[in-house]
Each structure stands twice: as C-alpha cells, then as structure tokens.
Amino acid sequence: MEIINIEARTFEAMMNRFEALTQRVETICKEYNGNERKQWLDSQEVCVILNVSKRKLQYLRDKGELGYTMIVHKVFYRPEDVQAMIEWLYKGKEVKHG
C-alpha cells in the first residue's frame, strides 16, 4: 500500500471541489427525475420490434434510415426513432430523425 501525504489546505480544496461536484450531480438528477425517462433499445430488441434480421438492421443504419448511438461497441436506438421506422415500414410515412 502506498501512502501519500498532502497539506491540509490541499485536502480541503479537494473536498470543496468534490462537494461542489456532488451538489451539481444531485441538481442534475433532480431536474432529470422531473422528465419522462426514455429507455434506449439495443439491437436485439429493435430486430424483434421491427421483425428484421440483424443484417437488415445494419443496412438501415448504414443508409442513415435509422438513427443510433454507439456506446462501448454496443449500438442503442431511441424508442421514438424505432417508432418512426415502424410507421415508415408499415404505414408508408416518412422517417423523421431527431
């Protein structure tokens, strides 16, 4: 185990910044809790919802027909984008990317 000594004022400054960060995170969480939470969908869920293969889903992404976000090599889709795709595929409506 390594022990590091720091001056009391440095420690106090670190603690003040940590407290400020904690308060900021709490404020953001309170603001977010007032909004409707929307759960992102993964590729497997979207394939089932749209009744398409993984390859077709890849094609829709490649062509820019379906918006997505990649986080740590995993693809996620917003529910409203999937809903727009459903309307486009099954009702002939134009897809709106948000």
N, C-alpha and C. Protein backbone atom coordinates (compact mmCIF):
# COMPACT_ATOMS: atom_id res chain seq x y z
N MET A 1 0.84 -1.17 0.00
CA MET A 1 0.00 0.00 0.00
C MET A 1 0.89 1.23 0.00
N GLU A 2 0.49 2.22 -0.80
CA GLU A 2 1.24 3.45 -0.89
C GLU A 2 0.51 4.54 -0.10
N ILE A 3 1.23 5.28 0.68
CA ILE A 3 0.66 6.37 1.47
C ILE A 3 1.14 7.68 0.89
N ILE A 4 0.20 8.60 0.69
CA ILE A 4 0.52 9.90 0.13
C ILE A 4 0.11 10.96 1.14
N ASN A 5 1.02 11.84 1.48
CA ASN A 5 0.74 12.95 2.38
C ASN A 5 0.44 14.20 1.58
N ILE A 6 -0.60 14.93 1.98
CA ILE A 6 -0.90 16.21 1.34
C ILE A 6 -1.17 17.23 2.45
N GLU A 7 -1.00 18.47 2.10
CA GLU A 7 -1.25 19.54 3.06
C GLU A 7 -2.75 19.63 3.35
N ALA A 8 -3.07 20.10 4.53
CA ALA A 8 -4.46 20.22 4.95
C ALA A 8 -5.25 21.12 4.01
N ARG A 9 -4.66 22.23 3.57
CA ARG A 9 -5.39 23.14 2.69
C ARG A 9 -5.64 22.51 1.32
N THR A 10 -4.73 21.67 0.86
CA THR A 10 -4.92 20.96 -0.41
C THR A 10 -6.07 19.97 -0.26
N PHE A 11 -6.08 19.27 0.89
CA PHE A 11 -7.16 18.33 1.16
C PHE A 11 -8.50 19.06 1.23
N GLU A 12 -8.55 20.19 1.89
CA GLU A 12 -9.77 20.98 1.99
C GLU A 12 -10.24 21.45 0.61
N ALA A 13 -9.31 21.89 -0.22
CA ALA A 13 -9.66 22.32 -1.57
C ALA A 13 -10.24 21.15 -2.37
N MET A 14 -9.64 19.99 -2.24
CA MET A 14 -10.15 18.79 -2.92
C MET A 14 -11.56 18.46 -2.43
N MET A 15 -11.77 18.53 -1.13
CA MET A 15 -13.07 18.21 -0.56
C MET A 15 -14.13 19.23 -1.00
N ASN A 16 -13.76 20.51 -1.09
CA ASN A 16 -14.69 21.53 -1.56
C ASN A 16 -15.10 21.29 -3.01
N ARG A 17 -14.14 20.92 -3.84
CA ARG A 17 -14.45 20.63 -5.24
C ARG A 17 -15.32 19.38 -5.36
N PHE A 18 -15.03 18.39 -4.54
CA PHE A 18 -15.83 17.17 -4.54
C PHE A 18 -17.26 17.49 -4.11
N GLU A 19 -17.42 18.30 -3.09
CA GLU A 19 -18.75 18.69 -2.62
C GLU A 19 -19.50 19.46 -3.71
N ALA A 20 -18.81 20.35 -4.40
CA ALA A 20 -19.44 21.11 -5.49
C ALA A 20 -19.90 20.16 -6.60
N LEU A 21 -19.07 19.18 -6.91
CA LEU A 21 -19.43 18.19 -7.93
C LEU A 21 -20.65 17.38 -7.47
N THR A 22 -20.64 16.97 -6.22
CA THR A 22 -21.76 16.21 -5.68
C THR A 22 -23.06 17.00 -5.76
N GLN A 23 -23.01 18.27 -5.42
CA GLN A 23 -24.20 19.11 -5.49
C GLN A 23 -24.68 19.27 -6.93
N ARG A 24 -23.75 19.42 -7.85
CA ARG A 24 -24.10 19.55 -9.27
C ARG A 24 -24.80 18.29 -9.78
N VAL A 25 -24.24 17.13 -9.42
CA VAL A 25 -24.84 15.86 -9.84
C VAL A 25 -26.25 15.72 -9.25
N GLU A 26 -26.41 16.07 -7.98
CA GLU A 26 -27.73 16.00 -7.34
C GLU A 26 -28.73 16.92 -8.03
N THR A 27 -28.29 18.12 -8.41
CA THR A 27 -29.15 19.07 -9.11
C THR A 27 -29.60 18.50 -10.45
N ILE A 28 -28.65 17.95 -11.18
CA ILE A 28 -28.97 17.35 -12.49
C ILE A 28 -29.94 16.20 -12.33
N CYS A 29 -29.72 15.36 -11.33
CA CYS A 29 -30.61 14.22 -11.08
C CYS A 29 -32.01 14.69 -10.74
N LYS A 30 -32.14 15.74 -9.93
CA LYS A 30 -33.46 16.26 -9.59
C LYS A 30 -34.16 16.80 -10.82
N GLU A 31 -33.43 17.50 -11.68
CA GLU A 31 -34.01 18.02 -12.91
C GLU A 31 -34.45 16.88 -13.82
N TYR A 32 -33.63 15.85 -13.91
CA TYR A 32 -33.92 14.73 -14.79
C TYR A 32 -35.13 13.94 -14.29
N ASN A 33 -35.24 13.78 -12.98
CA ASN A 33 -36.34 12.99 -12.42
C ASN A 33 -37.70 13.60 -12.74
N GLY A 34 -37.74 14.88 -13.03
CA GLY A 34 -39.00 15.52 -13.39
C GLY A 34 -39.41 15.23 -14.82
N ASN A 35 -38.49 14.78 -15.63
CA ASN A 35 -38.78 14.50 -17.04
C ASN A 35 -39.11 13.03 -17.22
N GLU A 36 -39.82 12.76 -18.31
CA GLU A 36 -40.13 11.38 -18.65
C GLU A 36 -38.85 10.66 -19.05
N ARG A 37 -38.61 9.53 -18.46
CA ARG A 37 -37.42 8.76 -18.81
C ARG A 37 -37.74 7.87 -20.00
N LYS A 38 -36.82 7.86 -20.93
CA LYS A 38 -37.00 7.01 -22.10
C LYS A 38 -35.85 6.01 -22.13
N GLN A 39 -36.22 4.77 -22.21
CA GLN A 39 -35.21 3.72 -22.22
C GLN A 39 -34.75 3.46 -23.65
N TRP A 40 -33.45 3.43 -23.84
CA TRP A 40 -32.90 3.11 -25.14
C TRP A 40 -33.05 1.63 -25.41
N LEU A 41 -33.13 1.27 -26.66
CA LEU A 41 -33.30 -0.12 -27.07
C LEU A 41 -32.01 -0.62 -27.68
N ASP A 42 -31.69 -1.90 -27.46
CA ASP A 42 -30.50 -2.47 -28.08
C ASP A 42 -30.89 -3.12 -29.41
N SER A 43 -29.90 -3.59 -30.14
CA SER A 43 -30.14 -4.14 -31.49
C SER A 43 -31.08 -5.33 -31.47
N GLN A 44 -30.93 -6.21 -30.50
CA GLN A 44 -31.77 -7.39 -30.45
C GLN A 44 -33.24 -6.99 -30.25
N GLU A 45 -33.48 -6.04 -29.37
CA GLU A 45 -34.85 -5.59 -29.14
C GLU A 45 -35.44 -4.96 -30.39
N VAL A 46 -34.64 -4.16 -31.09
CA VAL A 46 -35.12 -3.49 -32.30
C VAL A 46 -35.41 -4.52 -33.41
N CYS A 47 -34.57 -5.54 -33.53
CA CYS A 47 -34.82 -6.59 -34.52
C CYS A 47 -36.17 -7.25 -34.27
N VAL A 48 -36.46 -7.52 -33.01
CA VAL A 48 -37.74 -8.15 -32.67
C VAL A 48 -38.89 -7.19 -32.94
N ILE A 49 -38.75 -5.95 -32.53
CA ILE A 49 -39.82 -4.96 -32.72
C ILE A 49 -40.12 -4.75 -34.20
N LEU A 50 -39.07 -4.59 -35.00
CA LEU A 50 -39.25 -4.33 -36.43
C LEU A 50 -39.44 -5.59 -37.26
N ASN A 51 -39.19 -6.73 -36.64
CA ASN A 51 -39.26 -8.02 -37.33
C ASN A 51 -38.30 -8.04 -38.52
N VAL A 52 -37.04 -7.66 -38.24
CA VAL A 52 -36.00 -7.66 -39.27
C VAL A 52 -34.78 -8.42 -38.74
N SER A 53 -33.93 -8.85 -39.65
CA SER A 53 -32.70 -9.53 -39.27
C SER A 53 -31.66 -8.51 -38.80
N LYS A 54 -30.61 -9.01 -38.17
CA LYS A 54 -29.52 -8.13 -37.75
C LYS A 54 -28.87 -7.47 -38.96
N ARG A 55 -28.80 -8.19 -40.05
CA ARG A 55 -28.21 -7.65 -41.28
C ARG A 55 -29.06 -6.50 -41.84
N LYS A 56 -30.38 -6.68 -41.83
CA LYS A 56 -31.28 -5.61 -42.30
C LYS A 56 -31.16 -4.38 -41.40
N LEU A 57 -31.03 -4.62 -40.10
CA LEU A 57 -30.86 -3.51 -39.16
C LEU A 57 -29.57 -2.76 -39.46
N GLN A 58 -28.50 -3.51 -39.74
CA GLN A 58 -27.22 -2.90 -40.11
C GLN A 58 -27.38 -2.07 -41.38
N TYR A 59 -28.12 -2.59 -42.34
CA TYR A 59 -28.37 -1.88 -43.60
C TYR A 59 -29.10 -0.56 -43.34
N LEU A 60 -30.11 -0.59 -42.48
CA LEU A 60 -30.86 0.62 -42.15
C LEU A 60 -29.97 1.67 -41.49
N ARG A 61 -29.05 1.21 -40.63
CA ARG A 61 -28.09 2.14 -40.01
C ARG A 61 -27.13 2.70 -41.06
N ASP A 62 -26.58 1.83 -41.89
CA ASP A 62 -25.61 2.25 -42.90
C ASP A 62 -26.20 3.26 -43.87
N LYS A 63 -27.47 3.11 -44.20
CA LYS A 63 -28.14 4.01 -45.14
C LYS A 63 -28.65 5.28 -44.46
N GLY A 64 -28.50 5.36 -43.14
CA GLY A 64 -28.97 6.54 -42.41
C GLY A 64 -30.48 6.57 -42.22
N GLU A 65 -31.12 5.44 -42.41
CA GLU A 65 -32.57 5.36 -42.27
C GLU A 65 -33.00 5.28 -40.81
N LEU A 66 -32.11 4.80 -39.95
CA LEU A 66 -32.43 4.63 -38.53
C LEU A 66 -31.30 5.19 -37.70
N GLY A 67 -31.62 6.19 -36.89
CA GLY A 67 -30.62 6.79 -36.03
C GLY A 67 -30.21 5.84 -34.91
N TYR A 68 -28.98 5.98 -34.46
CA TYR A 68 -28.48 5.14 -33.39
C TYR A 68 -27.33 5.83 -32.67
N THR A 69 -26.97 5.28 -31.54
CA THR A 69 -25.82 5.74 -30.77
C THR A 69 -25.01 4.52 -30.38
N MET A 70 -23.69 4.63 -30.51
CA MET A 70 -22.83 3.52 -30.12
C MET A 70 -22.09 3.89 -28.84
N ILE A 71 -22.20 3.01 -27.85
CA ILE A 71 -21.53 3.20 -26.57
C ILE A 71 -20.74 1.93 -26.28
N VAL A 72 -19.45 2.06 -26.19
CA VAL A 72 -18.53 0.95 -25.92
C VAL A 72 -18.86 -0.25 -26.83
N HIS A 73 -18.87 0.00 -28.12
CA HIS A 73 -19.07 -1.03 -29.15
C HIS A 73 -20.44 -1.69 -29.11
N LYS A 74 -21.40 -1.06 -28.45
CA LYS A 74 -22.77 -1.58 -28.44
C LYS A 74 -23.68 -0.49 -28.99
N VAL A 75 -24.61 -0.90 -29.86
CA VAL A 75 -25.49 0.04 -30.54
C VAL A 75 -26.81 0.15 -29.78
N PHE A 76 -27.27 1.41 -29.61
CA PHE A 76 -28.54 1.68 -28.95
C PHE A 76 -29.39 2.57 -29.84
N TYR A 77 -30.70 2.43 -29.71
CA TYR A 77 -31.65 3.17 -30.52
C TYR A 77 -32.66 3.88 -29.62
N ARG A 78 -33.04 5.09 -30.01
CA ARG A 78 -34.07 5.81 -29.26
C ARG A 78 -35.43 5.22 -29.63
N PRO A 79 -36.30 5.04 -28.64
CA PRO A 79 -37.63 4.48 -28.93
C PRO A 79 -38.40 5.28 -29.98
N GLU A 80 -38.27 6.63 -29.96
CA GLU A 80 -39.00 7.42 -30.94
C GLU A 80 -38.48 7.21 -32.36
N ASP A 81 -37.19 6.91 -32.52
CA ASP A 81 -36.65 6.61 -33.85
C ASP A 81 -37.17 5.27 -34.35
N VAL A 82 -37.27 4.31 -33.44
CA VAL A 82 -37.80 2.99 -33.81
C VAL A 82 -39.27 3.13 -34.19
N GLN A 83 -40.01 3.93 -33.43
CA GLN A 83 -41.43 4.16 -33.74
C GLN A 83 -41.58 4.79 -35.13
N ALA A 84 -40.73 5.76 -35.44
CA ALA A 84 -40.78 6.39 -36.76
C ALA A 84 -40.48 5.37 -37.86
N MET A 85 -39.54 4.46 -37.59
CA MET A 85 -39.22 3.42 -38.56
C MET A 85 -40.39 2.48 -38.76
N ILE A 86 -41.08 2.15 -37.68
CA ILE A 86 -42.28 1.29 -37.78
C ILE A 86 -43.30 1.96 -38.70
N GLU A 87 -43.54 3.25 -38.47
CA GLU A 87 -44.50 3.97 -39.30
C GLU A 87 -44.05 4.00 -40.76
N TRP A 88 -42.76 4.20 -40.97
CA TRP A 88 -42.24 4.25 -42.33
C TRP A 88 -42.35 2.88 -43.02
N LEU A 89 -42.00 1.82 -42.29
CA LEU A 89 -42.03 0.48 -42.88
C LEU A 89 -43.45 -0.02 -43.13
N TYR A 90 -44.34 0.25 -42.19
CA TYR A 90 -45.66 -0.38 -42.25
C TYR A 90 -46.78 0.54 -42.68
N LYS A 91 -46.56 1.85 -42.62
CA LYS A 91 -47.63 2.78 -42.98
C LYS A 91 -47.24 3.71 -44.11
N GLY A 92 -45.99 3.60 -44.58
CA GLY A 92 -45.55 4.42 -45.69
C GLY A 92 -45.28 5.87 -45.32
N LYS A 93 -45.12 6.15 -44.03
CA LYS A 93 -44.83 7.52 -43.61
C LYS A 93 -43.34 7.79 -43.66
N GLU A 94 -43.00 9.05 -43.78
CA GLU A 94 -41.61 9.47 -43.87
C GLU A 94 -40.95 9.39 -42.48
N VAL A 95 -39.72 8.90 -42.44
CA VAL A 95 -38.97 8.81 -41.19
C VAL A 95 -38.43 10.18 -40.84
N LYS A 96 -38.59 10.57 -39.58
CA LYS A 96 -38.04 11.83 -39.10
C LYS A 96 -36.95 11.52 -38.10
N HIS A 97 -35.72 11.92 -38.40
CA HIS A 97 -34.61 11.71 -37.48
C HIS A 97 -34.56 12.88 -36.51
N GLY A 98 -34.43 12.56 -35.20
CA GLY A 98 -34.44 13.63 -34.20
C GLY A 98 -33.14 13.87 -33.56
